[in-house]
Amino acid sequence: MVDGAMGTGGEPESSDSLRTFGAVVQALREHAGLSREEFADLVRFSKHTVASVELGRRMPDPAFVERAEEVLGNTGALRKAAECLSRQPGLAAWFRQWARLEATAITLYTYECRLIPGLLQTEGYARQLFVDQLPPLTDEQIDTHWAARAERQQLLRERPNTAFGFILEEHLFRRCTGGTQVTRELIDHVLEIAQLRNVEIQVMPLVRESHAGLHGPIRLAETPENRWFAYNEGQESGQLISDPKVVSVLQRRYARMRAQALTFVDSVSLLEQMRGAL
């Protein structure tokens, strides 16, 4: 399972809920007689971030919520409002903490050996995963999950200052999930995303005598405060890792894999070769 039960988790909160939360922040700030710039200084986030939260364009970072509570009187209103965000439909309970980190991270690294990560999936590929899911999903549920995933993918373009790194096993493309045409579209899409300046995609070749990632997938996130977290996901479960010692081990493994995988140029060349052979 990837991205929270292969389609139910990791999707963004509804825009209505974000706008409501933002309106609460703005109302409390104005009641306290603070300008956005003054409030931004007090919560140690940029004025732009404060504006994005208040306008419902950005998921609030947990640190933002806590600092805003302290600045605005510790009424508990923002903590309660933030909890409502994480109860929105389409977000697996065990994925919520990671999804909130993902939405505000300044660095996101992903190594995947099971299937293409949600941020890189095409509609055809994602729908095949949804169709294969058990218990079965209805057509309406599949449509809803894809719409949410497509919106979440905007992170890649809407956060140009966030560094995204992906190490993907070669066999994920050679499996031809969904069929030949779906795989063609998938490779074309990944090649397009790879051209973004804030995205680095590397392919781990099928044959590699030394591989630092054999223990399983790795996800790493760096917060605006430069603190690192990791996340491990299994079937119907997930674990957010904050222990610096464990996170450090996973960082070292990911760093080793960056050296073991194909370079960006060679990865693009391999994907183009696979695309041409289909």
C-alpha atoms as a PDB file:
ATOM      1  CA  MET A   1       0.000   0.000   0.000  1.00  0.00           C
ATOM      2  CA  VAL A   2       1.339   3.409  -0.923  1.00  0.00           C
ATOM      3  CA  ASP A   3       0.069   6.890  -0.059  1.00  0.00           C
ATOM      4  CA  GLY A   4      -2.386   5.607   2.502  1.00  0.00           C
ATOM      5  CA  ALA A   5      -4.187   2.465   1.369  1.00  0.00           C
ATOM      6  CA  MET A   6      -3.320   3.004  -2.270  1.00  0.00           C
ATOM      7  CA  GLY A   7      -5.566   5.968  -2.848  1.00  0.00           C
ATOM      8  CA  THR A   8      -7.477   6.766   0.313  1.00  0.00           C
ATOM      9  CA  GLY A   9      -4.609   8.314   2.207  1.00  0.00           C
ATOM     10  CA  GLY A  10      -2.259  11.144   1.544  1.00  0.00           C
ATOM     11  CA  GLU A  11      -4.816  13.147  -0.374  1.00  0.00           C
ATOM     12  CA  PRO A  12      -5.231  16.832   0.471  1.00  0.00           C
ATOM     13  CA  GLU A  13      -7.861  18.264   2.718  1.00  0.00           C
ATOM     14  CA  SER A  14     -10.843  19.865   0.988  1.00  0.00           C
ATOM     15  CA  SER A  15     -10.374  23.495  -0.050  1.00  0.00           C
ATOM     16  CA  ASP A  16     -13.467  24.462   1.997  1.00  0.00           C
ATOM     17  CA  SER A  17     -11.933  23.150   5.214  1.00  0.00           C
ATOM     18  CA  LEU A  18      -8.659  24.947   4.562  1.00  0.00           C
ATOM     19  CA  ARG A  19     -10.473  28.208   3.867  1.00  0.00           C
ATOM     20  CA  THR A  20     -12.459  27.815   7.077  1.00  0.00           C
ATOM     21  CA  PHE A  21      -9.303  27.203   9.107  1.00  0.00           C
ATOM     22  CA  GLY A  22      -7.636  30.198   7.463  1.00  0.00           C
ATOM     23  CA  ALA A  23     -10.614  32.405   8.265  1.00  0.00           C
ATOM     24  CA  VAL A  24     -10.359  31.405  11.937  1.00  0.00           C
ATOM     25  CA  VAL A  25      -6.666  32.312  11.992  1.00  0.00           C
ATOM     26  CA  GLN A  26      -7.327  35.659  10.337  1.00  0.00           C
ATOM     27  CA  ALA A  27     -10.221  36.497  12.674  1.00  0.00           C
ATOM     28  CA  LEU A  28      -8.191  35.732  15.785  1.00  0.00           C
ATOM     29  CA  ARG A  29      -5.193  37.657  14.453  1.00  0.00           C
ATOM     30  CA  GLU A  30      -7.277  40.734  13.663  1.00  0.00           C
ATOM     31  CA  HIS A  31      -9.013  40.486  17.041  1.00  0.00           C
ATOM     32  CA  ALA A  32      -5.554  40.584  18.647  1.00  0.00           C
ATOM     33  CA  GLY A  33      -4.780  43.732  16.665  1.00  0.00           C
ATOM     34  CA  LEU A  34      -1.882  42.192  14.745  1.00  0.00           C
ATOM     35  CA  SER A  35      -0.963  42.789  11.120  1.00  0.00           C
ATOM     36  CA  ARG A  36       0.098  39.795   9.036  1.00  0.00           C
ATOM     37  CA  GLU A  37       3.698  40.961   9.189  1.00  0.00           C
ATOM     38  CA  GLU A  38       3.615  41.348  12.972  1.00  0.00           C
ATOM     39  CA  PHE A  39       1.926  37.970  13.378  1.00  0.00           C
ATOM     40  CA  ALA A  40       4.446  36.337  11.007  1.00  0.00           C
ATOM     41  CA  ASP A  41       7.335  37.599  13.133  1.00  0.00           C
ATOM     42  CA  LEU A  42       5.750  36.234  16.300  1.00  0.00           C
ATOM     43  CA  VAL A  43       5.061  32.739  14.893  1.00  0.00           C
ATOM     44  CA  ARG A  44       8.422  32.670  13.055  1.00  0.00           C
ATOM     45  CA  PHE A  45       6.904  31.978   9.637  1.00  0.00           C
ATOM     46  CA  SER A  46       7.084  34.248   6.592  1.00  0.00           C
ATOM     47  CA  LYS A  47       4.366  36.784   5.834  1.00  0.00           C
ATOM     48  CA  HIS A  48       3.743  34.854   2.605  1.00  0.00           C
ATOM     49  CA  THR A  49       3.143  31.627   4.559  1.00  0.00           C
ATOM     50  CA  VAL A  50       0.715  33.365   6.895  1.00  0.00           C
ATOM     51  CA  ALA A  51      -1.178  34.776   3.918  1.00  0.00           C
ATOM     52  CA  SER A  52      -1.310  31.369   2.230  1.00  0.00           C
ATOM     53  CA  VAL A  53      -2.741  29.743   5.372  1.00  0.00           C
ATOM     54  CA  GLU A  54      -5.292  32.503   5.931  1.00  0.00           C
ATOM     55  CA  LEU A  55      -6.450  32.330   2.316  1.00  0.00           C
ATOM     56  CA  GLY A  56      -6.845  28.537   2.470  1.00  0.00           C
ATOM     57  CA  ARG A  57      -4.097  27.825  -0.033  1.00  0.00           C
ATOM     58  CA  ARG A  58      -1.749  25.995   2.309  1.00  0.00           C
ATOM     59  CA  MET A  59      -2.050  23.226   4.869  1.00  0.00           C
ATOM     60  CA  PRO A  60      -0.907  24.599   8.254  1.00  0.00           C
ATOM     61  CA  ASP A  61       2.298  23.141   9.625  1.00  0.00           C
ATOM     62  CA  PRO A  62       1.899  21.642  13.146  1.00  0.00           C
ATOM     63  CA  ALA A  63       4.473  24.159  14.416  1.00  0.00           C
ATOM     64  CA  PHE A  64       2.420  26.987  12.903  1.00  0.00           C
ATOM     65  CA  VAL A  65      -0.679  25.832  14.778  1.00  0.00           C
ATOM     66  CA  GLU A  66       1.130  25.601  18.123  1.00  0.00           C
ATOM     67  CA  ARG A  67       2.873  28.974  17.808  1.00  0.00           C
ATOM     68  CA  ALA A  68      -0.290  30.667  16.595  1.00  0.00           C
ATOM     69  CA  GLU A  69      -2.145  29.288  19.617  1.00  0.00           C
ATOM     70  CA  GLU A  70       0.446  30.778  21.973  1.00  0.00           C
ATOM     71  CA  VAL A  71       0.397  34.167  20.233  1.00  0.00           C
ATOM     72  CA  LEU A  72      -3.400  34.347  20.035  1.00  0.00           C
ATOM     73  CA  GLY A  73      -4.243  33.532  23.623  1.00  0.00           C
ATOM     74  CA  ASN A  74      -4.157  29.729  23.909  1.00  0.00           C
ATOM     75  CA  THR A  75      -7.916  29.434  23.453  1.00  0.00           C
ATOM     76  CA  GLY A  76      -7.601  25.990  21.879  1.00  0.00           C
ATOM     77  CA  ALA A  77      -9.634  27.128  18.868  1.00  0.00           C
ATOM     78  CA  LEU A  78      -6.830  26.582  16.349  1.00  0.00           C
ATOM     79  CA  ARG A  79      -5.903  23.157  17.706  1.00  0.00           C
ATOM     80  CA  LYS A  80      -9.536  22.080  17.437  1.00  0.00           C
ATOM     81  CA  ALA A  81      -9.823  23.510  13.927  1.00  0.00           C
ATOM     82  CA  ALA A  82      -6.624  21.740  12.867  1.00  0.00           C
ATOM     83  CA  GLU A  83      -7.997  18.429  14.152  1.00  0.00           C
ATOM     84  CA  CYS A  84     -11.014  18.883  11.901  1.00  0.00           C
ATOM     85  CA  LEU A  85      -8.671  19.207   8.926  1.00  0.00           C
ATOM     86  CA  SER A  86      -7.187  15.787   9.598  1.00  0.00           C
ATOM     87  CA  ARG A  87     -10.635  14.171   9.843  1.00  0.00           C
ATOM     88  CA  GLN A  88     -11.610  14.995   6.261  1.00  0.00           C
ATOM     89  CA  PRO A  89     -12.749  12.054   4.090  1.00  0.00           C
ATOM     90  CA  GLY A  90     -10.096  10.554   1.841  1.00  0.00           C
ATOM     91  CA  LEU A  91      -7.264  10.594   4.361  1.00  0.00           C
ATOM     92  CA  ALA A  92      -6.337   7.355   6.102  1.00  0.00           C
ATOM     93  CA  ALA A  93      -6.063   7.911   9.860  1.00  0.00           C
ATOM     94  CA  TRP A  94      -2.564   6.477  10.030  1.00  0.00           C
ATOM     95  CA  PHE A  95      -1.346   8.724   7.179  1.00  0.00           C
ATOM     96  CA  ARG A  96      -2.551  12.073   8.530  1.00  0.00           C
ATOM     97  CA  GLN A  97       0.587  13.206  10.350  1.00  0.00           C
ATOM     98  CA  TRP A  98       2.800  12.484   7.357  1.00  0.00           C
ATOM     99  CA  ALA A  99       0.396  14.184   4.938  1.00  0.00           C
ATOM    100  CA  ARG A 100       0.576  17.358   7.024  1.00  0.00           C
ATOM    101  CA  LEU A 101       4.372  17.248   6.996  1.00  0.00           C
ATOM    102  CA  GLU A 102       4.436  16.565   3.266  1.00  0.00           C
ATOM    103  CA  ALA A 103       2.286  19.614   2.509  1.00  0.00           C
ATOM    104  CA  THR A 104       4.753  22.023   4.107  1.00  0.00           C
ATOM    105  CA  ALA A 105       8.125  20.247   3.769  1.00  0.00           C
ATOM    106  CA  ILE A 106      11.072  21.993   2.137  1.00  0.00           C
ATOM    107  CA  THR A 107      12.680  18.660   1.183  1.00  0.00           C
ATOM    108  CA  LEU A 108      10.943  15.385   0.316  1.00  0.00           C
ATOM    109  CA  TYR A 109      12.849  12.233  -0.586  1.00  0.00           C
ATOM    110  CA  THR A 110      11.159   8.994  -1.645  1.00  0.00           C
ATOM    111  CA  TYR A 111      12.590   5.575  -2.434  1.00  0.00           C
ATOM    112  CA  GLU A 112       9.998   3.133  -3.716  1.00  0.00           C
ATOM    113  CA  CYS A 113      10.270  -0.516  -4.730  1.00  0.00           C
ATOM    114  CA  ARG A 114       6.574  -1.519  -4.793  1.00  0.00           C
ATOM    115  CA  LEU A 115       4.775   0.890  -7.106  1.00  0.00           C
ATOM    116  CA  ILE A 116       5.097   4.384  -8.543  1.00  0.00           C
ATOM    117  CA  PRO A 117       4.645   7.005  -5.761  1.00  0.00           C
ATOM    118  CA  GLY A 118       1.338   8.873  -5.772  1.00  0.00           C
ATOM    119  CA  LEU A 119       2.972  12.200  -6.637  1.00  0.00           C
ATOM    120  CA  LEU A 120       4.185  10.730  -9.952  1.00  0.00           C
ATOM    121  CA  GLN A 121       1.196   8.586 -10.970  1.00  0.00           C
ATOM    122  CA  THR A 122      -0.889   9.161 -14.081  1.00  0.00           C
ATOM    123  CA  GLU A 123      -4.649   8.800 -14.067  1.00  0.00           C
ATOM    124  CA  GLY A 124      -4.518   5.476 -15.920  1.00  0.00           C
ATOM    125  CA  TYR A 125      -1.930   4.034 -13.551  1.00  0.00           C
ATOM    126  CA  ALA A 126      -3.731   5.252 -10.416  1.00  0.00           C
ATOM    127  CA  ARG A 127      -7.094   3.988 -11.600  1.00  0.00           C
ATOM    128  CA  GLN A 128      -5.624   0.527 -12.151  1.00  0.00           C
ATOM    129  CA  LEU A 129      -4.417   0.549  -8.537  1.00  0.00           C
ATOM    130  CA  PHE A 130      -7.836   1.651  -7.342  1.00  0.00           C
ATOM    131  CA  VAL A 131      -9.558  -1.058  -9.418  1.00  0.00           C
ATOM    132  CA  ASP A 132      -7.247  -3.695  -7.914  1.00  0.00           C
ATOM    133  CA  GLN A 133      -7.886  -2.553  -4.346  1.00  0.00           C
ATOM    134  CA  LEU A 134      -9.594  -4.876  -1.869  1.00  0.00           C
ATOM    135  CA  PRO A 135     -12.196  -4.451  -0.522  1.00  0.00           C
ATOM    136  CA  PRO A 136     -13.428  -3.206  -3.925  1.00  0.00           C
ATOM    137  CA  LEU A 137     -14.136   0.494  -4.469  1.00  0.00           C
ATOM    138  CA  THR A 138     -17.206   1.881  -6.230  1.00  0.00           C
ATOM    139  CA  ASP A 139     -16.841   3.932  -9.416  1.00  0.00           C
ATOM    140  CA  GLU A 140     -17.699   7.037  -7.421  1.00  0.00           C
ATOM    141  CA  GLN A 141     -15.016   6.290  -4.848  1.00  0.00           C
ATOM    142  CA  ILE A 142     -12.443   5.746  -7.585  1.00  0.00           C
ATOM    143  CA  ASP A 143     -13.348   9.079  -9.208  1.00  0.00           C
ATOM    144  CA  THR A 144     -13.099  10.840  -5.850  1.00  0.00           C
ATOM    145  CA  HIS A 145      -9.740   9.275  -5.016  1.00  0.00           C
ATOM    146  CA  TRP A 146      -8.245  10.174  -8.386  1.00  0.00           C
ATOM    147  CA  ALA A 147      -9.485  13.779  -8.177  1.00  0.00           C
ATOM    148  CA  ALA A 148      -7.867  14.105  -4.752  1.00  0.00           C
ATOM    149  CA  ARG A 149      -4.610  12.531  -5.909  1.00  0.00           C
ATOM    150  CA  ALA A 150      -4.436  14.787  -8.969  1.00  0.00           C
ATOM    151  CA  GLU A 151      -4.871  17.821  -6.717  1.00  0.00           C
ATOM    152  CA  ARG A 152      -2.166  16.588  -4.357  1.00  0.00           C
ATOM    153  CA  GLN A 153       0.247  16.254  -7.281  1.00  0.00           C
ATOM    154  CA  GLN A 154       0.153  20.028  -7.688  1.00  0.00           C
ATOM    155  CA  LEU A 155       2.689  20.117  -4.832  1.00  0.00           C
ATOM    156  CA  LEU A 156       5.390  19.454  -7.429  1.00  0.00           C
ATOM    157  CA  ARG A 157       4.566  22.629  -9.352  1.00  0.00           C
ATOM    158  CA  GLU A 158       3.137  24.857  -6.635  1.00  0.00           C
ATOM    159  CA  ARG A 159       6.140  24.440  -4.323  1.00  0.00           C
ATOM    160  CA  PRO A 160       9.094  25.281  -6.614  1.00  0.00           C
ATOM    161  CA  ASN A 161      11.341  25.904  -3.586  1.00  0.00           C
ATOM    162  CA  THR A 162      10.750  22.406  -2.228  1.00  0.00           C
ATOM    163  CA  ALA A 163      13.311  19.834  -3.330  1.00  0.00           C
ATOM    164  CA  PHE A 164      11.698  16.557  -4.411  1.00  0.00           C
ATOM    165  CA  GLY A 165      13.857  13.462  -4.862  1.00  0.00           C
ATOM    166  CA  PHE A 166      12.687  10.072  -6.126  1.00  0.00           C
ATOM    167  CA  ILE A 167      14.619   6.816  -6.462  1.00  0.00           C
ATOM    168  CA  LEU A 168      12.492   4.299  -8.354  1.00  0.00           C
ATOM    169  CA  GLU A 169      13.217   0.662  -9.081  1.00  0.00           C
ATOM    170  CA  GLU A 170      13.422  -0.153 -12.794  1.00  0.00           C
ATOM    171  CA  HIS A 171      10.976  -3.037 -12.403  1.00  0.00           C
ATOM    172  CA  LEU A 172       8.185  -0.599 -11.462  1.00  0.00           C
ATOM    173  CA  PHE A 173       8.064   0.462 -15.116  1.00  0.00           C
ATOM    174  CA  ARG A 174       8.747  -2.965 -16.618  1.00  0.00           C
ATOM    175  CA  ARG A 175       5.800  -4.526 -14.760  1.00  0.00           C
ATOM    176  CA  CYS A 176       3.426  -2.718 -17.188  1.00  0.00           C
ATOM    177  CA  THR A 177       0.749  -2.118 -14.559  1.00  0.00           C
ATOM    178  CA  GLY A 178      -2.465  -1.292 -16.418  1.00  0.00           C
ATOM    179  CA  GLY A 179      -1.090  -2.420 -19.778  1.00  0.00           C
ATOM    180  CA  THR A 180       1.236  -1.106 -22.451  1.00  0.00           C
ATOM    181  CA  GLN A 181      -0.583   2.163 -23.183  1.00  0.00           C
ATOM    182  CA  VAL A 182      -0.828   3.051 -19.489  1.00  0.00           C
ATOM    183  CA  THR A 183       2.912   2.392 -19.138  1.00  0.00           C
ATOM    184  CA  ARG A 184       3.718   4.573 -22.150  1.00  0.00           C
ATOM    185  CA  GLU A 185       1.734   7.427 -20.619  1.00  0.00           C
ATOM    186  CA  LEU A 186       3.374   6.839 -17.242  1.00  0.00           C
ATOM    187  CA  ILE A 187       6.911   7.017 -18.632  1.00  0.00           C
ATOM    188  CA  ASP A 188       6.061  10.123 -20.662  1.00  0.00           C
ATOM    189  CA  HIS A 189       4.655  11.750 -17.535  1.00  0.00           C
ATOM    190  CA  VAL A 190       7.675  10.880 -15.374  1.00  0.00           C
ATOM    191  CA  LEU A 191      10.018  12.216 -18.071  1.00  0.00           C
ATOM    192  CA  GLU A 192       8.021  15.458 -18.135  1.00  0.00           C
ATOM    193  CA  ILE A 193       8.126  15.834 -14.349  1.00  0.00           C
ATOM    194  CA  ALA A 194      11.851  15.108 -14.393  1.00  0.00           C
ATOM    195  CA  GLN A 195      12.401  18.366 -16.283  1.00  0.00           C
ATOM    196  CA  LEU A 196      11.222  20.459 -13.311  1.00  0.00           C
ATOM    197  CA  ARG A 197      14.178  22.142 -11.593  1.00  0.00           C
ATOM    198  CA  ASN A 198      13.016  21.123  -8.126  1.00  0.00           C
ATOM    199  CA  VAL A 199      12.598  17.430  -8.979  1.00  0.00           C
ATOM    200  CA  GLU A 200      15.331  14.786  -9.151  1.00  0.00           C
ATOM    201  CA  ILE A 201      14.420  11.337 -10.457  1.00  0.00           C
ATOM    202  CA  GLN A 202      16.809   8.400 -10.469  1.00  0.00           C
ATOM    203  CA  VAL A 203      16.229   4.808 -11.534  1.00  0.00           C
ATOM    204  CA  MET A 204      17.724   1.889  -9.636  1.00  0.00           C
ATOM    205  CA  PRO A 205      18.670  -0.687 -12.284  1.00  0.00           C
ATOM    206  CA  LEU A 206      17.423  -4.269 -12.194  1.00  0.00           C
ATOM    207  CA  VAL A 207      20.937  -5.640 -11.771  1.00  0.00           C
ATOM    208  CA  ARG A 208      22.838  -4.082  -8.883  1.00  0.00           C
ATOM    209  CA  GLU A 209      25.189  -6.167  -6.750  1.00  0.00           C
ATOM    210  CA  SER A 210      25.138  -3.684  -3.865  1.00  0.00           C
ATOM    211  CA  HIS A 211      21.844  -2.070  -2.813  1.00  0.00           C
ATOM    212  CA  ALA A 212      21.315  -0.082   0.416  1.00  0.00           C
ATOM    213  CA  GLY A 213      17.524  -0.116   0.161  1.00  0.00           C
ATOM    214  CA  LEU A 214      16.716  -3.784   0.472  1.00  0.00           C
ATOM    215  CA  HIS A 215      14.990  -3.236   3.819  1.00  0.00           C
ATOM    216  CA  GLY A 216      12.114  -1.502   2.019  1.00  0.00           C
ATOM    217  CA  PRO A 217      10.724   1.888   0.943  1.00  0.00           C
ATOM    218  CA  ILE A 218      11.975   5.107   2.512  1.00  0.00           C
ATOM    219  CA  ARG A 219      10.331   8.496   2.859  1.00  0.00           C
ATOM    220  CA  LEU A 220      12.128  11.484   4.336  1.00  0.00           C
ATOM    221  CA  ALA A 221      10.868  15.018   4.941  1.00  0.00           C
ATOM    222  CA  GLU A 222      12.596  18.187   6.116  1.00  0.00           C
ATOM    223  CA  THR A 223      10.404  20.795   7.819  1.00  0.00           C
ATOM    224  CA  PRO A 224      10.795  24.586   7.451  1.00  0.00           C
ATOM    225  CA  GLU A 225      12.578  24.440  10.829  1.00  0.00           C
ATOM    226  CA  ASN A 226      15.131  22.027   9.287  1.00  0.00           C
ATOM    227  CA  ARG A 227      13.998  19.073  11.337  1.00  0.00           C
ATOM    228  CA  TRP A 228      13.876  15.701   9.578  1.00  0.00           C
ATOM    229  CA  PHE A 229      11.180  13.039   9.846  1.00  0.00           C
ATOM    230  CA  ALA A 230      10.745   9.656   8.172  1.00  0.00           C
ATOM    231  CA  TYR A 231       7.751   7.512   7.351  1.00  0.00           C
ATOM    232  CA  ASN A 232       7.282   3.787   6.816  1.00  0.00           C
ATOM    233  CA  GLU A 233       4.076   2.365   5.405  1.00  0.00           C
ATOM    234  CA  GLY A 234       2.706  -1.160   5.290  1.00  0.00           C
ATOM    235  CA  GLN A 235      -0.669  -2.657   4.488  1.00  0.00           C
ATOM    236  CA  GLU A 236      -3.341  -0.632   6.314  1.00  0.00           C
ATOM    237  CA  SER A 237      -0.757   0.898   8.628  1.00  0.00           C
ATOM    238  CA  GLY A 238       1.909   3.553   8.755  1.00  0.00           C
ATOM    239  CA  GLN A 239       4.561   4.802  11.154  1.00  0.00           C
ATOM    240  CA  LEU A 240       5.822   8.370  11.483  1.00  0.00           C
ATOM    241  CA  ILE A 241       9.427   8.329  12.706  1.00  0.00           C
ATOM    242  CA  SER A 242      10.805  11.273  14.669  1.00  0.00           C
ATOM    243  CA  ASP A 243      13.687   9.576  16.513  1.00  0.00           C
ATOM    244  CA  PRO A 244      16.801  11.388  15.177  1.00  0.00           C
ATOM    245  CA  LYS A 245      18.910   8.229  15.402  1.00  0.00           C
ATOM    246  CA  VAL A 246      16.508   6.213  13.253  1.00  0.00           C
ATOM    247  CA  VAL A 247      15.997   9.068  10.808  1.00  0.00           C
ATOM    248  CA  SER A 248      19.764   9.407  10.490  1.00  0.00           C
ATOM    249  CA  VAL A 249      20.087   5.734   9.532  1.00  0.00           C
ATOM    250  CA  LEU A 250      17.438   6.133   6.829  1.00  0.00           C
ATOM    251  CA  GLN A 251      19.106   9.302   5.548  1.00  0.00           C
ATOM    252  CA  ARG A 252      22.390   7.438   5.192  1.00  0.00           C
ATOM    253  CA  ARG A 253      20.709   4.598   3.340  1.00  0.00           C
ATOM    254  CA  TYR A 254      19.007   7.022   0.971  1.00  0.00           C
ATOM    255  CA  ALA A 255      22.299   8.844   0.390  1.00  0.00           C
ATOM    256  CA  ARG A 256      24.021   5.562  -0.430  1.00  0.00           C
ATOM    257  CA  MET A 257      21.254   4.665  -2.881  1.00  0.00           C
ATOM    258  CA  ARG A 258      21.663   7.988  -4.678  1.00  0.00           C
ATOM    259  CA  ALA A 259      25.201   6.848  -5.467  1.00  0.00           C
ATOM    260  CA  GLN A 260      24.096   3.332  -6.411  1.00  0.00           C
ATOM    261  CA  ALA A 261      21.211   4.356  -8.698  1.00  0.00           C
ATOM    262  CA  LEU A 262      21.701   5.614 -12.232  1.00  0.00           C
ATOM    263  CA  THR A 263      22.520   9.298 -12.633  1.00  0.00           C
ATOM    264  CA  PHE A 264      19.725  11.638 -13.688  1.00  0.00           C
ATOM    265  CA  VAL A 265      20.958  11.665 -17.291  1.00  0.00           C
ATOM    266  CA  ASP A 266      21.327   7.879 -17.427  1.00  0.00           C
ATOM    267  CA  SER A 267      17.927   7.430 -15.747  1.00  0.00           C
ATOM    268  CA  VAL A 268      16.240   9.591 -18.368  1.00  0.00           C
ATOM    269  CA  SER A 269      18.055   7.675 -21.108  1.00  0.00           C
ATOM    270  CA  LEU A 270      16.878   4.322 -19.702  1.00  0.00           C
ATOM    271  CA  LEU A 271      13.280   5.531 -19.434  1.00  0.00           C
ATOM    272  CA  GLU A 272      13.399   6.762 -23.029  1.00  0.00           C
ATOM    273  CA  GLN A 273      14.737   3.364 -24.125  1.00  0.00           C
ATOM    274  CA  MET A 274      11.954   1.546 -22.272  1.00  0.00           C
ATOM    275  CA  ARG A 275       9.382   3.925 -23.762  1.00  0.00           C
ATOM    276  CA  GLY A 276      10.700   3.268 -27.259  1.00  0.00           C
ATOM    277  CA  ALA A 277      10.548  -0.500 -26.772  1.00  0.00           C
ATOM    278  CA  LEU A 278       6.856  -0.529 -25.839  1.00  0.00           C
END
